[in-house]
Amino acid sequence: MTLALITETKPEDWIYVSEGGATIVFSYRGPHNVQFSDQVLRLRKVPHGSLNSMLLDTNTEQPDDPMTTFQENIISKLVPSEFLPSLVVVVLDEGWLRSLIVLRDGDRPAERRQTDQIDIRRNKGVLATDLIGGTPIAIEVKPKWGYLPTECHLSPETVALKTTTCRFCMHTSFRMKQGDIGTTYCPLDLFSRDEMRVRKSLGALWAGWYESRGSLNNLRLFVEGRMAKPDDDHSVQLLARFFAAGESTDVQNLRELFSSTLAQVLLDSPILPLLSNLQRTLDILDIEGLSRLYTQSSSGSSCDSLGSSIPDPSMEEWKDFVEVYQSDHHSWDHTVPSPGHLRYYLMAYLLSATFKDCSIIIRPKSAYVGSFDATIIDMDIKSMDRLGKWERLDRKIVEHYKSSASQRRCIDSQRVSQSGYTHRFEELSKWR
């Protein structure tokens, strides 16, 4: 198969769309091109100063971006294809990338520009379906953790908190202590399948978007292919027209229309139940139970950071993992996990993190409200070396929340008994 060459386009043909911690996205706006029209370009980023310290041979053939092979071989076995974007490899060019940086770096948020940059050493990137352009609006929702953990692997010090307040809400409280902007959004409301709770969660997302001037990443709105901000009158007017608010840009009215429209879209879609099921069945031990199993096994010791002595899985191992997950996982007794299954549980937690950190893009099938498509994006492979960091963060979050003056109760309406996992999984499998 002949790979697409980025040099068949000009850097000025691409406009900045958005970015996350690892990748940055540009949308093609040049002359019609069979390979590039209706596509976005996803490029890897690196922290400033790391280009000289990290070795990457630009003169030899580099492997394809793992995002493409991971989706093709792993994610597609767990998520129906109609909910996934197309991903293909594109060959990059260092000079072309440098020109793109000169042209578009000023479009990035200032805090991102200060932190990282496009990795100009990469000679392969990813072309993906453009879910933002070619439509009057597009909505990106990052749902986060859609469940409460089971009690059996939690310590006496954490069990009451972790089974009462969801991880996102505890983390929000912790971030606010660090000076970040707060939000009243609770993922368990979004995942609840209860219309009033779903609308409440979407209203909280809208309020967070508005009050943070669009800086919170759990909700992003795109108008005419560009990220919209609450202080952009033109974008807000177009949003008002789309949601049938006429010429009124009253914030409260827009919030209600947005919430009611999106609630129906999400209630009609199997995406959120699917994500919740994958998250909770893959993270079946919680980070606490996983850490305990790691120290009990021959692979870990009390001084090891969680997962520090474990190499990252190969793609073949991931394929084998999915086979076990779909066949044996639901019959195991996870209340007493076997040390012999340690690597499996570590991989399961990594995959659960992928589904906890993904986003959903919702966009209309036509120019009018009523019919929408929903697509899951940003499903990167997570690395074993992040497990120790996640474990330490988990402890910090819970320790902070213990002393928090304001604690909330989060209701996991889809919580099922361990014996019910197989039934739930089989029910969702009909969508594949």
Protein backbone atom coordinates (compact mmCIF):
# COMPACT_ATOMS: atom_id res chain seq x y z
CA MET A 1 0.00 0.00 0.00
CA THR A 2 1.34 3.44 -0.96
CA LEU A 3 1.43 5.77 2.02
CA ALA A 4 0.18 9.36 1.77
CA LEU A 5 2.94 11.99 1.69
CA ILE A 6 2.39 15.17 3.68
CA THR A 7 4.52 17.08 1.16
CA GLU A 8 1.69 16.67 -1.35
CA THR A 9 0.06 19.49 0.64
CA LYS A 10 1.32 22.87 1.80
CA PRO A 11 1.64 23.73 5.51
CA GLU A 12 -0.75 26.63 4.94
CA ASP A 13 -3.41 24.11 3.84
CA TRP A 14 -3.74 23.02 7.48
CA ILE A 15 -5.37 24.90 10.38
CA TYR A 16 -5.01 24.26 14.09
CA VAL A 17 -7.98 22.48 15.69
CA SER A 18 -7.06 21.30 19.19
CA GLU A 19 -4.59 19.27 21.21
CA GLY A 20 -4.23 17.02 24.21
CA GLY A 21 -1.30 15.93 26.32
CA ALA A 22 0.34 13.77 23.66
CA THR A 23 -0.96 14.90 20.26
CA ILE A 24 -1.95 18.00 18.34
CA VAL A 25 -4.58 18.10 15.58
CA PHE A 26 -4.75 20.10 12.33
CA SER A 27 -7.58 20.08 9.77
CA TYR A 28 -7.02 20.14 6.00
CA ARG A 29 -8.41 23.24 4.28
CA GLY A 30 -6.54 23.15 0.97
CA PRO A 31 -7.65 22.31 -2.59
CA HIS A 32 -9.57 19.08 -3.03
CA ASN A 33 -7.30 16.10 -2.56
CA VAL A 34 -8.46 12.48 -2.57
CA GLN A 35 -6.16 11.55 0.31
CA PHE A 36 -6.37 14.68 2.47
CA SER A 37 -9.80 16.27 2.00
CA ASP A 38 -12.10 15.68 5.01
CA GLN A 39 -9.13 14.53 7.09
CA VAL A 40 -7.27 15.80 10.14
CA LEU A 41 -3.57 15.36 10.82
CA ARG A 42 -2.61 14.06 14.26
CA LEU A 43 1.00 14.79 15.22
CA ARG A 44 2.94 13.66 18.28
CA LYS A 45 4.28 16.25 20.71
CA VAL A 46 7.36 16.32 22.95
CA PRO A 47 8.26 18.50 25.95
CA HIS A 48 10.52 21.45 25.23
CA GLY A 49 14.18 20.51 25.51
CA SER A 50 13.66 16.81 24.88
CA LEU A 51 14.48 16.83 21.16
CA ASN A 52 18.19 16.83 21.94
CA SER A 53 18.03 14.41 24.85
CA MET A 54 15.83 11.72 23.26
CA LEU A 55 17.25 9.57 20.52
CA LEU A 56 15.11 9.00 17.44
CA ASP A 57 16.78 8.17 14.14
CA THR A 58 15.05 10.21 11.47
CA ASN A 59 17.05 8.58 8.69
CA THR A 60 15.70 5.08 9.22
CA GLU A 61 12.25 3.62 8.77
CA GLN A 62 10.20 4.31 11.89
CA PRO A 63 7.22 2.15 12.86
CA ASP A 64 3.72 3.42 12.21
CA ASP A 65 2.19 5.53 14.94
CA PRO A 66 0.97 2.97 17.51
CA MET A 67 -2.44 4.66 17.52
CA THR A 68 -3.29 3.16 14.14
CA THR A 69 -2.23 -0.41 14.90
CA PHE A 70 -3.77 -0.27 18.39
CA GLN A 71 -7.15 0.76 17.02
CA GLU A 72 -7.02 -1.72 14.16
CA ASN A 73 -5.97 -4.73 16.26
CA ILE A 74 -7.27 -4.04 19.76
CA ILE A 75 -9.86 -1.27 20.07
CA SER A 76 -11.84 -2.47 17.06
CA LYS A 77 -12.37 -5.82 18.84
CA LEU A 78 -14.06 -4.02 21.73
CA VAL A 79 -15.82 -1.07 20.08
CA PRO A 80 -18.08 -1.33 17.01
CA SER A 81 -16.51 0.16 13.89
CA GLU A 82 -19.36 2.65 13.39
CA PHE A 83 -18.19 4.44 16.55
CA LEU A 84 -14.54 4.72 15.46
CA PRO A 85 -12.81 7.17 13.09
CA SER A 86 -10.72 5.90 10.17
CA LEU A 87 -6.98 6.09 10.82
CA VAL A 88 -4.27 5.87 8.14
CA VAL A 89 -0.54 6.53 8.12
CA VAL A 90 0.96 9.63 6.48
CA VAL A 91 4.69 10.15 5.79
CA LEU A 92 6.02 13.37 7.32
CA ASP A 93 8.88 15.70 6.44
CA GLU A 94 10.97 17.69 8.95
CA GLY A 95 11.17 20.84 6.85
CA TRP A 96 7.41 20.75 6.28
CA LEU A 97 6.80 20.35 10.02
CA ARG A 98 9.07 23.28 10.84
CA SER A 99 7.10 25.45 8.41
CA LEU A 100 3.83 24.32 10.02
CA ILE A 101 5.15 25.33 13.44
CA VAL A 102 6.06 28.80 12.16
CA LEU A 103 2.61 29.22 10.63
CA ARG A 104 0.37 27.74 13.33
CA ASP A 105 2.16 27.72 16.69
CA GLY A 106 0.61 31.09 17.53
CA ASP A 107 -2.86 29.52 17.28
CA ARG A 108 -2.13 27.19 20.20
CA PRO A 109 -3.09 28.08 23.80
CA ALA A 110 -0.26 29.92 25.53
CA GLU A 111 0.07 27.31 28.28
CA ARG A 112 0.52 24.57 25.68
CA ARG A 113 3.14 26.53 23.75
CA GLN A 114 5.14 26.96 26.94
CA THR A 115 5.08 23.23 27.68
CA ASP A 116 5.66 21.27 24.48
CA GLN A 117 5.99 21.29 20.70
CA ILE A 118 5.48 19.15 17.60
CA ASP A 119 7.98 16.30 17.44
CA ILE A 120 9.81 17.21 14.21
CA ARG A 121 11.82 13.97 14.31
CA ARG A 122 8.81 11.82 13.52
CA ASN A 123 8.60 10.69 9.93
CA LYS A 124 5.12 9.19 10.28
CA GLY A 125 1.86 10.70 11.48
CA VAL A 126 -1.82 9.82 11.43
CA LEU A 127 -4.61 10.96 9.13
CA ALA A 128 -8.03 10.59 10.72
CA THR A 129 -11.60 11.33 9.74
CA ASP A 130 -12.27 15.06 10.12
CA LEU A 131 -15.07 15.09 12.66
CA ILE A 132 -14.83 18.85 13.20
CA GLY A 133 -14.83 20.39 9.71
CA GLY A 134 -17.59 20.15 7.14
CA THR A 135 -20.33 20.54 9.74
CA PRO A 136 -21.87 23.65 11.33
CA ILE A 137 -20.99 22.50 14.83
CA ALA A 138 -19.21 19.63 16.54
CA ILE A 139 -19.19 18.86 20.25
CA GLU A 140 -16.40 17.06 22.07
CA VAL A 141 -17.25 15.51 25.44
CA LYS A 142 -14.62 13.81 27.62
CA PRO A 143 -16.78 11.69 29.95
CA LYS A 144 -13.98 10.35 32.25
CA TRP A 145 -14.62 7.62 34.87
CA GLY A 146 -18.14 6.20 34.66
CA TYR A 147 -18.36 3.96 37.73
CA LEU A 148 -17.58 3.52 41.42
CA PRO A 149 -15.13 0.75 42.43
CA THR A 150 -16.20 -2.36 44.32
CA GLU A 151 -15.32 -2.58 48.00
CA CYS A 152 -13.30 -5.80 48.13
CA HIS A 153 -9.92 -4.38 47.06
CA LEU A 154 -10.11 -1.06 48.87
CA SER A 155 -8.36 -0.34 52.17
CA PRO A 156 -10.32 0.48 55.34
CA GLU A 157 -8.98 4.04 55.02
CA THR A 158 -10.37 4.59 51.50
CA VAL A 159 -13.39 2.33 51.10
CA ALA A 160 -15.99 4.78 52.48
CA LEU A 161 -14.81 7.63 50.26
CA LYS A 162 -14.19 5.69 47.07
CA THR A 163 -17.56 3.95 47.14
CA THR A 164 -19.40 7.21 47.85
CA THR A 165 -17.68 9.86 45.71
CA CYS A 166 -16.46 9.18 42.18
CA ARG A 167 -12.83 9.60 41.22
CA PHE A 168 -13.52 12.60 38.98
CA CYS A 169 -15.31 14.57 41.68
CA MET A 170 -12.53 13.85 44.20
CA HIS A 171 -9.94 14.84 41.62
CA THR A 172 -11.82 18.07 40.88
CA SER A 173 -11.71 18.95 44.57
CA PHE A 174 -7.97 18.23 44.63
CA ARG A 175 -7.35 20.37 41.54
CA MET A 176 -9.30 23.27 42.99
CA LYS A 177 -7.00 23.17 45.99
CA GLN A 178 -4.11 23.52 43.54
CA GLY A 179 -5.74 26.63 42.10
CA ASP A 180 -7.49 25.14 39.06
CA ILE A 181 -10.98 26.12 37.93
CA GLY A 182 -13.70 23.95 39.45
CA THR A 183 -16.73 22.26 37.90
CA THR A 184 -19.93 20.69 39.25
CA TYR A 185 -19.90 18.04 36.50
CA CYS A 186 -20.15 14.45 37.74
CA PRO A 187 -19.53 11.64 35.20
CA LEU A 188 -21.90 9.31 37.03
CA ASP A 189 -24.76 11.64 36.13
CA LEU A 190 -23.76 11.50 32.46
CA PHE A 191 -23.48 7.69 32.52
CA SER A 192 -26.69 7.21 34.53
CA ARG A 193 -29.14 6.65 31.61
CA ASP A 194 -31.55 8.85 33.58
CA GLU A 195 -32.66 11.80 31.46
CA MET A 196 -32.77 14.36 34.26
CA ARG A 197 -29.32 13.36 35.53
CA VAL A 198 -27.86 13.35 32.03
CA ARG A 199 -29.26 16.82 31.40
CA LYS A 200 -27.87 17.97 34.75
CA SER A 201 -24.39 16.71 33.81
CA LEU A 202 -24.51 18.40 30.40
CA GLY A 203 -25.66 21.63 32.02
CA ALA A 204 -22.67 21.42 34.36
CA LEU A 205 -20.35 20.84 31.38
CA TRP A 206 -21.80 23.90 29.64
CA ALA A 207 -21.43 26.00 32.79
CA GLY A 208 -17.81 24.86 33.16
CA TRP A 209 -17.13 25.72 29.51
CA TYR A 210 -18.67 29.15 29.92
CA GLU A 211 -17.17 30.05 33.30
CA SER A 212 -13.67 28.84 32.34
CA ARG A 213 -13.83 30.67 29.00
CA GLY A 214 -13.52 27.34 27.24
CA SER A 215 -10.36 26.21 29.04
CA LEU A 216 -11.75 23.07 30.73
CA ASN A 217 -11.23 20.08 28.45
CA ASN A 218 -14.32 18.04 29.38
CA LEU A 219 -16.37 20.03 26.86
CA ARG A 220 -15.16 21.65 23.66
CA LEU A 221 -17.44 23.27 21.09
CA PHE A 222 -16.44 23.71 17.46
CA VAL A 223 -18.20 26.07 15.08
CA GLU A 224 -17.40 26.09 11.35
CA GLY A 225 -14.37 23.90 12.00
CA ARG A 226 -12.81 26.08 14.70
CA MET A 227 -12.85 25.84 18.48
CA ALA A 228 -15.46 28.19 19.91
CA LYS A 229 -15.02 30.27 23.04
CA PRO A 230 -17.80 31.83 25.15
CA ASP A 231 -16.52 35.35 24.44
CA ASP A 232 -16.63 34.81 20.66
CA ASP A 233 -19.92 36.52 19.76
CA HIS A 234 -19.99 35.15 16.20
CA SER A 235 -19.60 31.53 17.36
CA VAL A 236 -22.17 31.93 20.13
CA GLN A 237 -24.68 33.40 17.66
CA LEU A 238 -24.19 30.43 15.34
CA LEU A 239 -24.63 28.04 18.27
CA ALA A 240 -27.85 29.84 19.19
CA ARG A 241 -29.23 29.47 15.66
CA PHE A 242 -28.25 25.81 15.53
CA PHE A 243 -29.97 25.00 18.82
CA ALA A 244 -33.10 26.85 17.68
CA ALA A 245 -32.62 29.77 20.03
CA GLY A 246 -33.07 32.20 17.16
CA GLU A 247 -31.04 35.37 17.59
CA SER A 248 -31.10 35.11 21.38
CA THR A 249 -27.71 34.41 22.95
CA ASP A 250 -29.04 34.23 26.50
CA VAL A 251 -26.62 31.95 28.31
CA GLN A 252 -29.19 30.14 30.42
CA ASN A 253 -31.47 29.50 27.44
CA LEU A 254 -28.56 28.15 25.38
CA ARG A 255 -27.51 25.92 28.26
CA GLU A 256 -30.98 24.38 28.49
CA LEU A 257 -31.26 23.82 24.74
CA PHE A 258 -27.77 22.33 24.57
CA SER A 259 -28.46 20.01 27.51
CA SER A 260 -31.82 18.75 26.25
CA THR A 261 -30.55 18.14 22.71
CA LEU A 262 -27.35 16.33 23.73
CA ALA A 263 -29.11 14.31 26.42
CA GLN A 264 -31.38 12.73 23.85
CA VAL A 265 -28.42 11.97 21.56
CA LEU A 266 -26.52 10.21 24.33
CA LEU A 267 -29.56 8.35 25.65
CA ASP A 268 -30.23 7.01 22.17
CA SER A 269 -26.63 5.81 21.76
CA PRO A 270 -24.99 2.69 23.27
CA ILE A 271 -21.63 4.48 23.56
CA LEU A 272 -21.78 5.48 27.23
CA PRO A 273 -22.97 2.06 28.52
CA LEU A 274 -20.23 0.45 26.43
CA LEU A 275 -17.52 2.74 27.85
CA SER A 276 -18.76 2.29 31.42
CA ASN A 277 -18.76 -1.49 31.05
CA LEU A 278 -15.24 -1.54 29.60
CA GLN A 279 -13.90 0.80 32.27
CA ARG A 280 -15.33 -1.07 35.23
CA THR A 281 -14.55 -4.61 34.03
CA LEU A 282 -10.99 -3.74 33.01
CA ASP A 283 -10.27 -1.82 36.24
CA ILE A 284 -11.73 -4.53 38.41
CA LEU A 285 -9.12 -4.36 41.20
CA ASP A 286 -8.81 -0.58 41.54
CA ILE A 287 -5.27 0.80 41.64
CA GLU A 288 -5.08 -0.30 45.29
CA GLY A 289 -5.81 -3.95 44.56
CA LEU A 290 -3.50 -3.86 41.57
CA SER A 291 -0.66 -2.47 43.72
CA ARG A 292 -1.24 -5.12 46.37
CA LEU A 293 -1.14 -7.90 43.78
CA TYR A 294 2.07 -6.42 42.33
CA THR A 295 3.89 -6.42 45.67
CA GLN A 296 2.67 -9.93 46.45
CA SER A 297 4.05 -11.30 43.20
CA SER A 298 7.65 -12.17 42.42
CA SER A 299 7.76 -9.27 39.93
CA GLY A 300 7.42 -6.54 42.51
CA SER A 301 8.89 -5.64 45.88
CA SER A 302 7.89 -3.16 48.54
CA CYS A 303 10.35 -0.59 47.20
CA ASP A 304 9.29 -0.91 43.56
CA SER A 305 7.03 1.64 41.94
CA LEU A 306 3.92 -0.07 40.57
CA GLY A 307 4.73 -1.62 37.19
CA SER A 308 8.31 -0.31 37.17
CA SER A 309 9.81 -3.75 36.59
CA ILE A 310 7.31 -4.72 33.88
CA PRO A 311 8.05 -4.07 30.16
CA ASP A 312 5.35 -2.61 27.94
CA PRO A 313 3.27 -5.21 26.10
CA SER A 314 3.88 -5.97 22.44
CA MET A 315 1.02 -5.79 19.97
CA GLU A 316 0.89 -9.60 19.91
CA GLU A 317 0.47 -9.60 23.69
CA TRP A 318 -2.36 -7.08 23.38
CA LYS A 319 -4.07 -9.37 20.86
CA ASP A 320 -3.75 -12.30 23.27
CA PHE A 321 -5.03 -10.10 26.09
CA VAL A 322 -8.24 -9.24 24.22
CA GLU A 323 -8.88 -12.93 23.54
CA VAL A 324 -8.59 -13.70 27.26
CA TYR A 325 -10.72 -10.70 28.21
CA GLN A 326 -13.50 -11.82 25.88
CA SER A 327 -13.34 -15.48 26.92
CA ASP A 328 -11.96 -16.13 30.43
CA HIS A 329 -12.05 -12.77 32.24
CA HIS A 330 -15.71 -12.86 33.22
CA SER A 331 -15.44 -16.34 34.76
CA TRP A 332 -12.44 -15.58 37.00
CA ASP A 333 -12.82 -14.91 40.71
CA HIS A 334 -11.52 -11.35 40.79
CA THR A 335 -12.08 -11.09 44.55
CA VAL A 336 -8.99 -13.30 44.94
CA PRO A 337 -6.80 -12.41 41.93
CA SER A 338 -4.06 -14.87 41.08
CA PRO A 339 -0.45 -13.57 41.12
CA GLY A 340 -0.03 -15.66 37.98
CA HIS A 341 -2.41 -13.26 36.24
CA LEU A 342 -0.48 -10.14 37.30
CA ARG A 343 0.55 -9.10 33.80
CA TYR A 344 -3.02 -9.53 32.59
CA TYR A 345 -4.36 -7.27 35.37
CA LEU A 346 -1.69 -4.64 34.69
CA MET A 347 -2.61 -4.61 31.00
CA ALA A 348 -6.30 -4.49 31.90
CA TYR A 349 -5.73 -1.38 34.01
CA LEU A 350 -3.79 0.29 31.19
CA LEU A 351 -6.62 -0.41 28.76
CA SER A 352 -9.19 0.86 31.25
CA ALA A 353 -7.18 4.11 31.40
CA THR A 354 -7.51 4.41 27.62
CA PHE A 355 -11.30 4.25 27.91
CA LYS A 356 -11.31 6.63 30.90
CA ASP A 357 -9.38 9.24 28.94
CA CYS A 358 -11.10 9.05 25.53
CA SER A 359 -13.45 11.66 24.06
CA ILE A 360 -16.74 11.47 22.18
CA ILE A 361 -17.30 13.70 19.16
CA ILE A 362 -20.98 14.44 18.48
CA ARG A 363 -21.98 16.13 15.25
CA PRO A 364 -25.18 16.49 13.23
CA LYS A 365 -25.77 14.32 10.20
CA SER A 366 -27.39 17.33 8.53
CA ALA A 367 -27.43 21.09 9.03
CA TYR A 368 -30.33 20.87 11.47
CA VAL A 369 -30.75 19.52 15.00
CA GLY A 370 -32.30 16.09 15.16
CA SER A 371 -29.97 13.45 13.79
CA PHE A 372 -26.44 13.03 15.12
CA ASP A 373 -23.39 10.79 14.79
CA ALA A 374 -21.22 9.94 17.79
CA THR A 375 -17.60 8.81 17.44
CA ILE A 376 -15.04 7.80 20.07
CA ILE A 377 -11.57 9.33 19.64
CA ASP A 378 -8.21 9.65 21.45
CA MET A 379 -7.67 6.00 22.33
CA ASP A 380 -3.93 5.89 22.81
CA ILE A 381 -1.94 3.05 24.32
CA LYS A 382 -0.90 3.80 27.90
CA SER A 383 2.55 2.83 29.17
CA MET A 384 3.47 0.71 32.21
CA ASP A 385 5.72 3.48 33.52
CA ARG A 386 2.62 5.59 34.24
CA LEU A 387 1.18 3.14 36.77
CA GLY A 388 3.39 4.34 39.62
CA LYS A 389 2.44 7.95 38.95
CA TRP A 390 -1.26 7.05 38.91
CA GLU A 391 -0.93 5.17 42.20
CA ARG A 392 0.76 8.13 43.91
CA LEU A 393 -1.85 10.52 42.50
CA ASP A 394 -4.65 8.28 43.75
CA ARG A 395 -3.25 8.47 47.28
CA LYS A 396 -2.89 12.25 47.11
CA ILE A 397 -6.44 12.70 45.84
CA VAL A 398 -8.00 10.52 48.54
CA GLU A 399 -5.88 12.03 51.33
CA HIS A 400 -6.96 15.49 50.28
CA TYR A 401 -10.60 14.49 50.03
CA LYS A 402 -10.62 13.03 53.53
CA SER A 403 -10.08 16.52 54.91
CA SER A 404 -12.30 18.32 52.40
CA ALA A 405 -14.97 20.44 54.01
CA SER A 406 -17.38 19.79 51.13
CA GLN A 407 -17.97 16.17 50.12
CA ARG A 408 -20.54 14.93 47.65
CA ARG A 409 -22.37 11.68 47.08
CA CYS A 410 -22.15 10.24 43.56
CA ILE A 411 -24.66 7.58 42.49
CA ASP A 412 -23.50 4.78 40.20
CA SER A 413 -26.85 3.70 38.75
CA GLN A 414 -25.26 1.07 36.52
CA ARG A 415 -23.31 -0.64 39.25
CA VAL A 416 -23.75 -4.39 38.90
CA SER A 417 -22.67 -7.37 40.93
CA GLN A 418 -19.65 -9.29 39.80
CA SER A 419 -21.87 -12.14 38.65
CA GLY A 420 -23.71 -9.67 36.41
CA TYR A 421 -20.67 -8.62 34.39
CA THR A 422 -21.00 -11.45 31.89
CA HIS A 423 -24.65 -10.68 31.22
CA ARG A 424 -23.90 -6.99 30.78
CA PHE A 425 -20.97 -7.72 28.47
CA GLU A 426 -23.06 -10.05 26.30
CA GLU A 427 -25.84 -7.47 26.13
CA LEU A 428 -23.40 -4.81 24.84
CA SER A 429 -21.73 -7.25 22.44
CA LYS A 430 -24.74 -7.12 20.15
CA TRP A 431 -23.51 -3.68 19.03
CA ARG A 432 -20.30 -5.16 17.62
